[in-house]
Amino acid sequence: MAEHINLLWTGGWDSTLRLLQLLLIEKKRVQPHYIIIGTRKSTPNEIAAMDRIRKHLINKHPFVKNLLLETQYISDSALNTDEEISEAYATLKKQNHIGQQYSSLAKIAKQYEFTDFELCIENGEFANNFVIPFLYVNNSVQAPVYRISKTNTPNAVEQLFSYYTFPLVKLSKEEMIDYVKKQNWINIMNMTWLCHRPILGRYPCGACNPCRFAILDGMSWRVPLPSRLIGGTVKKVFNSNPIVKCRNILKKF
């Protein structure tokens, strides 16, 4: 049995929910890992969110201090070149939208020989496109463990997602919200961060995908009203721009 759970923690909603499950319900030791990807504008906000949550948990639940290990930071700037993973990412990108971070995460997991990361992907369009159809479920343990199967799984999927378990893959965002409310964790979850392009480095923009998905998923309270109004307008203008449309079409080739 592993001495701790390796969790990919971003300071966001999904991974923080899993962190609370592991610490407050299962009472397990957790080794958080945070991947620094490129020069993403949200990185300082995500790190600040993790610091806030850590301090709050230790203050309210002192036993957490012995369970929550110091976060390990890994930068994708130190990655080795890996053509197999790059080609796998390019293959999947042609099929459906997939963020660049999944290429970086796979390269890091392979390079550092991680095979038991918990990756907190919710039950939604992304999971249904790339993960759920190829899952192997191990029911021999107390709680089901979801991993990518080594049978009948496309090579590109295996190259990108074979390093993880998926603890939240059967939960929709709506189910997560209900669960959080029942556990009385909403105040902690409101400390999480979601935006990729914060305005003035402080406020969710309302236009990036995480902001828009939060609004569509019934969590509009996480995006300030001015950002919701302005961000929605910006998104419409951006999507109606013929230059942008041509660029998006060319990206597929």
C-alpha atoms as a PDB file:
ATOM      1  CA  MET A   1       0.000   0.000   0.000  1.00  0.00           C
ATOM      2  CA  ALA A   2       1.357   3.443  -0.955  1.00  0.00           C
ATOM      3  CA  GLU A   3       2.440   5.705   1.897  1.00  0.00           C
ATOM      4  CA  HIS A   4       0.615   8.625   0.328  1.00  0.00           C
ATOM      5  CA  ILE A   5      -1.689   9.572  -2.535  1.00  0.00           C
ATOM      6  CA  ASN A   6      -0.097  11.496  -5.404  1.00  0.00           C
ATOM      7  CA  LEU A   7      -2.605  14.171  -6.382  1.00  0.00           C
ATOM      8  CA  LEU A   8      -2.328  16.618  -9.262  1.00  0.00           C
ATOM      9  CA  TRP A   9      -3.590  19.722  -7.454  1.00  0.00           C
ATOM     10  CA  THR A  10      -4.213  22.964  -9.327  1.00  0.00           C
ATOM     11  CA  GLY A  11      -6.066  25.006  -6.728  1.00  0.00           C
ATOM     12  CA  GLY A  12      -9.151  24.506  -8.902  1.00  0.00           C
ATOM     13  CA  TRP A  13     -12.577  23.087  -8.080  1.00  0.00           C
ATOM     14  CA  ASP A  14     -12.179  19.421  -9.073  1.00  0.00           C
ATOM     15  CA  SER A  15      -8.758  18.693  -7.610  1.00  0.00           C
ATOM     16  CA  THR A  16      -9.582  20.597  -4.407  1.00  0.00           C
ATOM     17  CA  LEU A  17     -12.744  18.540  -3.965  1.00  0.00           C
ATOM     18  CA  ARG A  18     -10.642  15.395  -4.192  1.00  0.00           C
ATOM     19  CA  LEU A  19      -8.121  16.841  -1.745  1.00  0.00           C
ATOM     20  CA  LEU A  20     -10.896  17.395   0.804  1.00  0.00           C
ATOM     21  CA  GLN A  21     -12.179  13.851   0.314  1.00  0.00           C
ATOM     22  CA  LEU A  22      -8.739  12.383   0.920  1.00  0.00           C
ATOM     23  CA  LEU A  23      -7.912  14.532   3.939  1.00  0.00           C
ATOM     24  CA  LEU A  24     -11.204  15.048   5.755  1.00  0.00           C
ATOM     25  CA  ILE A  25     -13.075  11.830   4.979  1.00  0.00           C
ATOM     26  CA  GLU A  26     -10.489   9.179   4.151  1.00  0.00           C
ATOM     27  CA  LYS A  27      -7.801  10.636   6.463  1.00  0.00           C
ATOM     28  CA  LYS A  28      -5.046   9.777   3.972  1.00  0.00           C
ATOM     29  CA  ARG A  29      -1.667  11.388   3.502  1.00  0.00           C
ATOM     30  CA  VAL A  30      -1.554  13.407   0.300  1.00  0.00           C
ATOM     31  CA  GLN A  31       1.412  14.444  -1.808  1.00  0.00           C
ATOM     32  CA  PRO A  32       0.197  17.337  -3.994  1.00  0.00           C
ATOM     33  CA  HIS A  33       1.953  17.989  -7.294  1.00  0.00           C
ATOM     34  CA  TYR A  34       1.564  21.250  -9.209  1.00  0.00           C
ATOM     35  CA  ILE A  35       2.717  21.452 -12.812  1.00  0.00           C
ATOM     36  CA  ILE A  36       3.975  24.851 -13.980  1.00  0.00           C
ATOM     37  CA  ILE A  37       2.985  24.982 -17.638  1.00  0.00           C
ATOM     38  CA  GLY A  38       4.600  27.658 -19.777  1.00  0.00           C
ATOM     39  CA  THR A  39       3.868  31.236 -18.727  1.00  0.00           C
ATOM     40  CA  ARG A  40       0.168  30.830 -17.967  1.00  0.00           C
ATOM     41  CA  LYS A  41      -1.209  34.045 -16.489  1.00  0.00           C
ATOM     42  CA  SER A  42      -3.233  32.088 -13.925  1.00  0.00           C
ATOM     43  CA  THR A  43      -0.261  30.358 -12.293  1.00  0.00           C
ATOM     44  CA  PRO A  44       0.183  32.942  -9.461  1.00  0.00           C
ATOM     45  CA  ASN A  45      -3.566  32.818  -8.737  1.00  0.00           C
ATOM     46  CA  GLU A  46      -3.603  29.028  -8.590  1.00  0.00           C
ATOM     47  CA  ILE A  47      -0.610  28.905  -6.245  1.00  0.00           C
ATOM     48  CA  ALA A  48      -2.191  31.592  -4.036  1.00  0.00           C
ATOM     49  CA  ALA A  49      -5.436  29.580  -3.937  1.00  0.00           C
ATOM     50  CA  MET A  50      -3.562  26.454  -2.824  1.00  0.00           C
ATOM     51  CA  ASP A  51      -1.821  28.433  -0.081  1.00  0.00           C
ATOM     52  CA  ARG A  52      -5.153  29.858   1.150  1.00  0.00           C
ATOM     53  CA  ILE A  53      -6.784  26.445   1.214  1.00  0.00           C
ATOM     54  CA  ARG A  54      -3.831  24.798   2.955  1.00  0.00           C
ATOM     55  CA  LYS A  55      -3.755  27.451   5.719  1.00  0.00           C
ATOM     56  CA  HIS A  56      -7.515  27.282   6.196  1.00  0.00           C
ATOM     57  CA  LEU A  57      -7.542  23.489   6.459  1.00  0.00           C
ATOM     58  CA  ILE A  58      -4.689  23.351   8.964  1.00  0.00           C
ATOM     59  CA  ASN A  59      -6.280  26.098  11.031  1.00  0.00           C
ATOM     60  CA  LYS A  60      -9.717  24.468  11.104  1.00  0.00           C
ATOM     61  CA  HIS A  61      -8.552  20.834  11.116  1.00  0.00           C
ATOM     62  CA  PRO A  62      -5.120  20.693  12.834  1.00  0.00           C
ATOM     63  CA  PHE A  63      -4.691  16.980  12.052  1.00  0.00           C
ATOM     64  CA  VAL A  64      -4.382  17.932   8.373  1.00  0.00           C
ATOM     65  CA  LYS A  65      -0.881  19.290   9.053  1.00  0.00           C
ATOM     66  CA  ASN A  66       0.371  15.711   9.367  1.00  0.00           C
ATOM     67  CA  LEU A  67      -1.481  14.515   6.276  1.00  0.00           C
ATOM     68  CA  LEU A  68      -0.929  17.258   3.706  1.00  0.00           C
ATOM     69  CA  LEU A  69       2.667  17.149   2.469  1.00  0.00           C
ATOM     70  CA  GLU A  70       4.434  20.121   0.937  1.00  0.00           C
ATOM     71  CA  THR A  71       3.436  20.690  -2.668  1.00  0.00           C
ATOM     72  CA  GLN A  72       5.967  19.486  -5.234  1.00  0.00           C
ATOM     73  CA  TYR A  73       6.386  21.952  -8.112  1.00  0.00           C
ATOM     74  CA  ILE A  74       7.477  20.676 -11.513  1.00  0.00           C
ATOM     75  CA  SER A  75       8.017  22.933 -14.523  1.00  0.00           C
ATOM     76  CA  ASP A  76       7.400  21.780 -18.065  1.00  0.00           C
ATOM     77  CA  SER A  77      10.465  23.809 -19.093  1.00  0.00           C
ATOM     78  CA  ALA A  78      12.582  20.920 -17.783  1.00  0.00           C
ATOM     79  CA  LEU A  79      10.909  18.338 -19.987  1.00  0.00           C
ATOM     80  CA  ASN A  80      12.742  16.025 -22.326  1.00  0.00           C
ATOM     81  CA  THR A  81      11.592  15.836 -25.931  1.00  0.00           C
ATOM     82  CA  ASP A  82       9.129  12.975 -26.386  1.00  0.00           C
ATOM     83  CA  GLU A  83       7.966  12.456 -29.952  1.00  0.00           C
ATOM     84  CA  GLU A  84       5.597   9.600 -29.057  1.00  0.00           C
ATOM     85  CA  ILE A  85       3.574  11.753 -26.689  1.00  0.00           C
ATOM     86  CA  SER A  86       3.714  14.768 -29.023  1.00  0.00           C
ATOM     87  CA  GLU A  87       2.362  12.651 -31.878  1.00  0.00           C
ATOM     88  CA  ALA A  88      -0.305  11.137 -29.639  1.00  0.00           C
ATOM     89  CA  TYR A  89      -1.414  14.626 -28.592  1.00  0.00           C
ATOM     90  CA  ALA A  90      -1.548  15.777 -32.225  1.00  0.00           C
ATOM     91  CA  THR A  91      -3.661  12.723 -33.117  1.00  0.00           C
ATOM     92  CA  LEU A  92      -6.220  13.363 -30.379  1.00  0.00           C
ATOM     93  CA  LYS A  93      -6.299  17.094 -31.078  1.00  0.00           C
ATOM     94  CA  LYS A  94      -7.489  16.360 -34.614  1.00  0.00           C
ATOM     95  CA  GLN A  95     -10.424  14.403 -33.175  1.00  0.00           C
ATOM     96  CA  ASN A  96     -11.638  16.816 -30.482  1.00  0.00           C
ATOM     97  CA  HIS A  97     -10.445  19.793 -28.487  1.00  0.00           C
ATOM     98  CA  ILE A  98      -7.791  18.840 -25.949  1.00  0.00           C
ATOM     99  CA  GLY A  99      -5.672  21.233 -23.903  1.00  0.00           C
ATOM    100  CA  GLN A 100      -1.900  21.415 -24.346  1.00  0.00           C
ATOM    101  CA  GLN A 101      -1.502  20.661 -20.634  1.00  0.00           C
ATOM    102  CA  TYR A 102      -2.341  16.990 -21.213  1.00  0.00           C
ATOM    103  CA  SER A 103       0.718  16.625 -23.415  1.00  0.00           C
ATOM    104  CA  SER A 104       2.909  18.283 -20.778  1.00  0.00           C
ATOM    105  CA  LEU A 105       1.392  16.199 -17.964  1.00  0.00           C
ATOM    106  CA  ALA A 106       2.035  12.946 -19.816  1.00  0.00           C
ATOM    107  CA  LYS A 107       5.635  13.912 -20.577  1.00  0.00           C
ATOM    108  CA  ILE A 108       6.248  14.782 -16.936  1.00  0.00           C
ATOM    109  CA  ALA A 109       4.632  11.565 -15.689  1.00  0.00           C
ATOM    110  CA  LYS A 110       6.717   9.498 -18.119  1.00  0.00           C
ATOM    111  CA  GLN A 111       9.971  11.345 -17.455  1.00  0.00           C
ATOM    112  CA  TYR A 112       9.633  11.130 -13.668  1.00  0.00           C
ATOM    113  CA  GLU A 113       8.193   7.599 -13.810  1.00  0.00           C
ATOM    114  CA  PHE A 114       4.921   8.483 -12.124  1.00  0.00           C
ATOM    115  CA  THR A 115       2.301   5.764 -12.556  1.00  0.00           C
ATOM    116  CA  ASP A 116      -0.230   6.539  -9.851  1.00  0.00           C
ATOM    117  CA  PHE A 117      -1.177  10.208 -10.212  1.00  0.00           C
ATOM    118  CA  GLU A 118      -4.765  11.043  -9.372  1.00  0.00           C
ATOM    119  CA  LEU A 119      -6.053  13.211 -12.226  1.00  0.00           C
ATOM    120  CA  CYS A 120      -9.361  14.882 -11.385  1.00  0.00           C
ATOM    121  CA  ILE A 121     -11.365  14.875 -14.601  1.00  0.00           C
ATOM    122  CA  GLU A 122     -15.138  15.194 -14.185  1.00  0.00           C
ATOM    123  CA  ASN A 123     -17.809  13.260 -16.044  1.00  0.00           C
ATOM    124  CA  GLY A 124     -18.352  15.518 -19.038  1.00  0.00           C
ATOM    125  CA  GLU A 125     -17.620  16.003 -22.709  1.00  0.00           C
ATOM    126  CA  PHE A 126     -13.843  15.773 -22.349  1.00  0.00           C
ATOM    127  CA  ALA A 127     -13.956  12.561 -20.296  1.00  0.00           C
ATOM    128  CA  ASN A 128     -16.492  11.020 -22.665  1.00  0.00           C
ATOM    129  CA  ASN A 129     -14.258  11.801 -25.645  1.00  0.00           C
ATOM    130  CA  PHE A 130     -10.918  10.620 -24.305  1.00  0.00           C
ATOM    131  CA  VAL A 131     -11.195   8.637 -21.067  1.00  0.00           C
ATOM    132  CA  ILE A 132     -14.496   6.965 -20.150  1.00  0.00           C
ATOM    133  CA  PRO A 133     -14.767   4.656 -23.208  1.00  0.00           C
ATOM    134  CA  PHE A 134     -11.362   3.126 -22.367  1.00  0.00           C
ATOM    135  CA  LEU A 135     -11.537   2.747 -18.595  1.00  0.00           C
ATOM    136  CA  TYR A 136     -10.709  -0.346 -16.624  1.00  0.00           C
ATOM    137  CA  VAL A 137     -12.479  -0.491 -13.273  1.00  0.00           C
ATOM    138  CA  ASN A 138     -10.775  -2.287 -10.389  1.00  0.00           C
ATOM    139  CA  ASN A 139     -13.545  -3.226  -7.960  1.00  0.00           C
ATOM    140  CA  SER A 140     -11.328  -5.381  -5.758  1.00  0.00           C
ATOM    141  CA  VAL A 141     -10.593  -2.459  -3.463  1.00  0.00           C
ATOM    142  CA  GLN A 142     -12.841  -0.562  -1.074  1.00  0.00           C
ATOM    143  CA  ALA A 143     -13.628   2.143  -3.637  1.00  0.00           C
ATOM    144  CA  PRO A 144     -13.536   1.616  -7.413  1.00  0.00           C
ATOM    145  CA  VAL A 145     -10.278   2.659  -9.079  1.00  0.00           C
ATOM    146  CA  TYR A 146     -10.571   3.857 -12.663  1.00  0.00           C
ATOM    147  CA  ARG A 147      -7.566   3.478 -14.965  1.00  0.00           C
ATOM    148  CA  ILE A 148      -7.026   3.324 -18.702  1.00  0.00           C
ATOM    149  CA  SER A 149      -7.333  -0.257 -19.887  1.00  0.00           C
ATOM    150  CA  LYS A 150      -4.451  -1.881 -21.746  1.00  0.00           C
ATOM    151  CA  THR A 151      -6.954  -3.734 -23.936  1.00  0.00           C
ATOM    152  CA  ASN A 152      -8.614  -2.203 -27.007  1.00  0.00           C
ATOM    153  CA  THR A 153      -7.396   1.297 -26.164  1.00  0.00           C
ATOM    154  CA  PRO A 154      -6.071   3.493 -28.995  1.00  0.00           C
ATOM    155  CA  ASN A 155      -2.335   4.071 -28.689  1.00  0.00           C
ATOM    156  CA  ALA A 156      -2.758   7.857 -28.558  1.00  0.00           C
ATOM    157  CA  VAL A 157      -5.098   7.602 -25.561  1.00  0.00           C
ATOM    158  CA  GLU A 158      -2.767   5.202 -23.796  1.00  0.00           C
ATOM    159  CA  GLN A 159       0.240   7.465 -24.430  1.00  0.00           C
ATOM    160  CA  LEU A 160      -1.477  10.449 -22.787  1.00  0.00           C
ATOM    161  CA  PHE A 161      -3.623   8.947 -20.033  1.00  0.00           C
ATOM    162  CA  SER A 162      -2.134   5.645 -18.842  1.00  0.00           C
ATOM    163  CA  TYR A 163      -0.252   7.296 -15.960  1.00  0.00           C
ATOM    164  CA  TYR A 164      -3.297   8.215 -13.906  1.00  0.00           C
ATOM    165  CA  THR A 165      -6.252   7.064 -11.888  1.00  0.00           C
ATOM    166  CA  PHE A 166      -9.457   9.071 -12.288  1.00  0.00           C
ATOM    167  CA  PRO A 167     -11.245   9.381  -8.939  1.00  0.00           C
ATOM    168  CA  LEU A 168     -13.939  11.855 -10.056  1.00  0.00           C
ATOM    169  CA  VAL A 169     -14.578  10.604 -13.577  1.00  0.00           C
ATOM    170  CA  LYS A 170     -18.074   9.328 -12.741  1.00  0.00           C
ATOM    171  CA  LEU A 171     -19.210  12.596 -11.117  1.00  0.00           C
ATOM    172  CA  SER A 172     -20.806  15.434 -13.068  1.00  0.00           C
ATOM    173  CA  LYS A 173     -20.292  19.038 -11.994  1.00  0.00           C
ATOM    174  CA  GLU A 174     -23.892  19.156 -10.765  1.00  0.00           C
ATOM    175  CA  GLU A 175     -23.283  16.105  -8.581  1.00  0.00           C
ATOM    176  CA  MET A 176     -20.094  17.681  -7.253  1.00  0.00           C
ATOM    177  CA  ILE A 177     -21.981  20.823  -6.234  1.00  0.00           C
ATOM    178  CA  ASP A 178     -24.605  18.770  -4.362  1.00  0.00           C
ATOM    179  CA  TYR A 179     -21.874  16.742  -2.671  1.00  0.00           C
ATOM    180  CA  VAL A 180     -19.946  19.850  -1.598  1.00  0.00           C
ATOM    181  CA  LYS A 181     -23.084  21.392  -0.101  1.00  0.00           C
ATOM    182  CA  LYS A 182     -23.896  18.213   1.847  1.00  0.00           C
ATOM    183  CA  GLN A 183     -20.346  18.138   3.248  1.00  0.00           C
ATOM    184  CA  ASN A 184     -20.563  21.843   4.134  1.00  0.00           C
ATOM    185  CA  TRP A 185     -17.415  22.554   2.141  1.00  0.00           C
ATOM    186  CA  ILE A 186     -18.718  25.397   0.007  1.00  0.00           C
ATOM    187  CA  ASN A 187     -16.712  28.056   1.890  1.00  0.00           C
ATOM    188  CA  ILE A 188     -13.485  26.147   1.181  1.00  0.00           C
ATOM    189  CA  MET A 189     -14.396  25.491  -2.434  1.00  0.00           C
ATOM    190  CA  ASN A 190     -15.010  29.203  -2.933  1.00  0.00           C
ATOM    191  CA  MET A 191     -11.294  29.698  -2.233  1.00  0.00           C
ATOM    192  CA  THR A 192     -10.432  27.825  -5.446  1.00  0.00           C
ATOM    193  CA  TRP A 193      -9.369  29.518  -8.683  1.00  0.00           C
ATOM    194  CA  LEU A 194     -10.720  28.953 -12.195  1.00  0.00           C
ATOM    195  CA  CYS A 195      -9.738  31.645 -14.728  1.00  0.00           C
ATOM    196  CA  HIS A 196      -6.912  31.279 -17.272  1.00  0.00           C
ATOM    197  CA  ARG A 197      -6.673  35.004 -18.075  1.00  0.00           C
ATOM    198  CA  PRO A 198      -7.382  37.014 -14.897  1.00  0.00           C
ATOM    199  CA  ILE A 199      -8.133  40.719 -15.343  1.00  0.00           C
ATOM    200  CA  LEU A 200      -5.492  42.892 -13.647  1.00  0.00           C
ATOM    201  CA  GLY A 201      -4.132  39.622 -12.312  1.00  0.00           C
ATOM    202  CA  ARG A 202      -6.992  39.429  -9.790  1.00  0.00           C
ATOM    203  CA  TYR A 203     -10.445  38.954 -11.304  1.00  0.00           C
ATOM    204  CA  PRO A 204     -11.892  36.105 -13.427  1.00  0.00           C
ATOM    205  CA  CYS A 205     -12.257  37.339 -17.003  1.00  0.00           C
ATOM    206  CA  GLY A 206     -15.586  35.666 -17.790  1.00  0.00           C
ATOM    207  CA  ALA A 207     -14.435  34.872 -21.348  1.00  0.00           C
ATOM    208  CA  CYS A 208     -11.949  31.991 -21.097  1.00  0.00           C
ATOM    209  CA  ASN A 209     -13.170  28.395 -21.214  1.00  0.00           C
ATOM    210  CA  PRO A 210     -12.969  27.706 -17.444  1.00  0.00           C
ATOM    211  CA  CYS A 211     -15.014  30.850 -16.734  1.00  0.00           C
ATOM    212  CA  ARG A 212     -17.611  30.048 -19.387  1.00  0.00           C
ATOM    213  CA  PHE A 213     -17.861  26.398 -18.308  1.00  0.00           C
ATOM    214  CA  ALA A 214     -18.359  27.467 -14.675  1.00  0.00           C
ATOM    215  CA  ILE A 215     -21.270  29.667 -15.746  1.00  0.00           C
ATOM    216  CA  LEU A 216     -22.803  26.908 -17.891  1.00  0.00           C
ATOM    217  CA  ASP A 217     -22.334  24.340 -15.105  1.00  0.00           C
ATOM    218  CA  GLY A 218     -24.412  26.332 -12.630  1.00  0.00           C
ATOM    219  CA  MET A 219     -21.519  27.975 -10.790  1.00  0.00           C
ATOM    220  CA  SER A 220     -21.916  31.512 -12.085  1.00  0.00           C
ATOM    221  CA  TRP A 221     -21.279  32.837  -8.566  1.00  0.00           C
ATOM    222  CA  ARG A 222     -17.586  32.035  -9.133  1.00  0.00           C
ATOM    223  CA  VAL A 223     -17.399  34.693 -11.867  1.00  0.00           C
ATOM    224  CA  PRO A 224     -18.180  38.320 -10.844  1.00  0.00           C
ATOM    225  CA  LEU A 225     -21.224  39.804 -12.587  1.00  0.00           C
ATOM    226  CA  PRO A 226     -19.251  42.490 -14.507  1.00  0.00           C
ATOM    227  CA  SER A 227     -16.934  39.770 -15.847  1.00  0.00           C
ATOM    228  CA  ARG A 228     -19.915  37.613 -16.818  1.00  0.00           C
ATOM    229  CA  LEU A 229     -21.462  40.469 -18.788  1.00  0.00           C
ATOM    230  CA  ILE A 230     -18.270  41.742 -20.408  1.00  0.00           C
ATOM    231  CA  GLY A 231     -16.765  38.288 -20.904  1.00  0.00           C
ATOM    232  CA  GLY A 232     -19.835  36.995 -22.704  1.00  0.00           C
ATOM    233  CA  THR A 233     -19.770  39.964 -25.074  1.00  0.00           C
ATOM    234  CA  VAL A 234     -16.050  39.558 -25.721  1.00  0.00           C
ATOM    235  CA  LYS A 235     -16.544  35.871 -26.478  1.00  0.00           C
ATOM    236  CA  LYS A 236     -19.331  36.594 -28.972  1.00  0.00           C
ATOM    237  CA  VAL A 237     -17.236  39.221 -30.764  1.00  0.00           C
ATOM    238  CA  PHE A 238     -14.211  36.936 -30.765  1.00  0.00           C
ATOM    239  CA  ASN A 239     -16.198  34.005 -32.184  1.00  0.00           C
ATOM    240  CA  SER A 240     -17.802  36.173 -34.860  1.00  0.00           C
ATOM    241  CA  ASN A 241     -14.451  37.496 -36.111  1.00  0.00           C
ATOM    242  CA  PRO A 242     -13.798  35.966 -39.576  1.00  0.00           C
ATOM    243  CA  ILE A 243     -10.020  36.108 -39.048  1.00  0.00           C
ATOM    244  CA  VAL A 244     -10.377  34.079 -35.866  1.00  0.00           C
ATOM    245  CA  LYS A 245     -12.676  31.593 -37.611  1.00  0.00           C
ATOM    246  CA  CYS A 246     -10.129  31.084 -40.409  1.00  0.00           C
ATOM    247  CA  ARG A 247      -7.335  30.654 -37.884  1.00  0.00           C
ATOM    248  CA  ASN A 248      -9.325  28.035 -35.964  1.00  0.00           C
ATOM    249  CA  ILE A 249     -10.051  26.142 -39.180  1.00  0.00           C
ATOM    250  CA  LEU A 250      -6.370  26.176 -40.170  1.00  0.00           C
ATOM    251  CA  LYS A 251      -5.414  24.804 -36.731  1.00  0.00           C
ATOM    252  CA  LYS A 252      -7.160  21.566 -37.608  1.00  0.00           C
ATOM    253  CA  PHE A 253      -4.733  20.854 -40.439  1.00  0.00           C
END
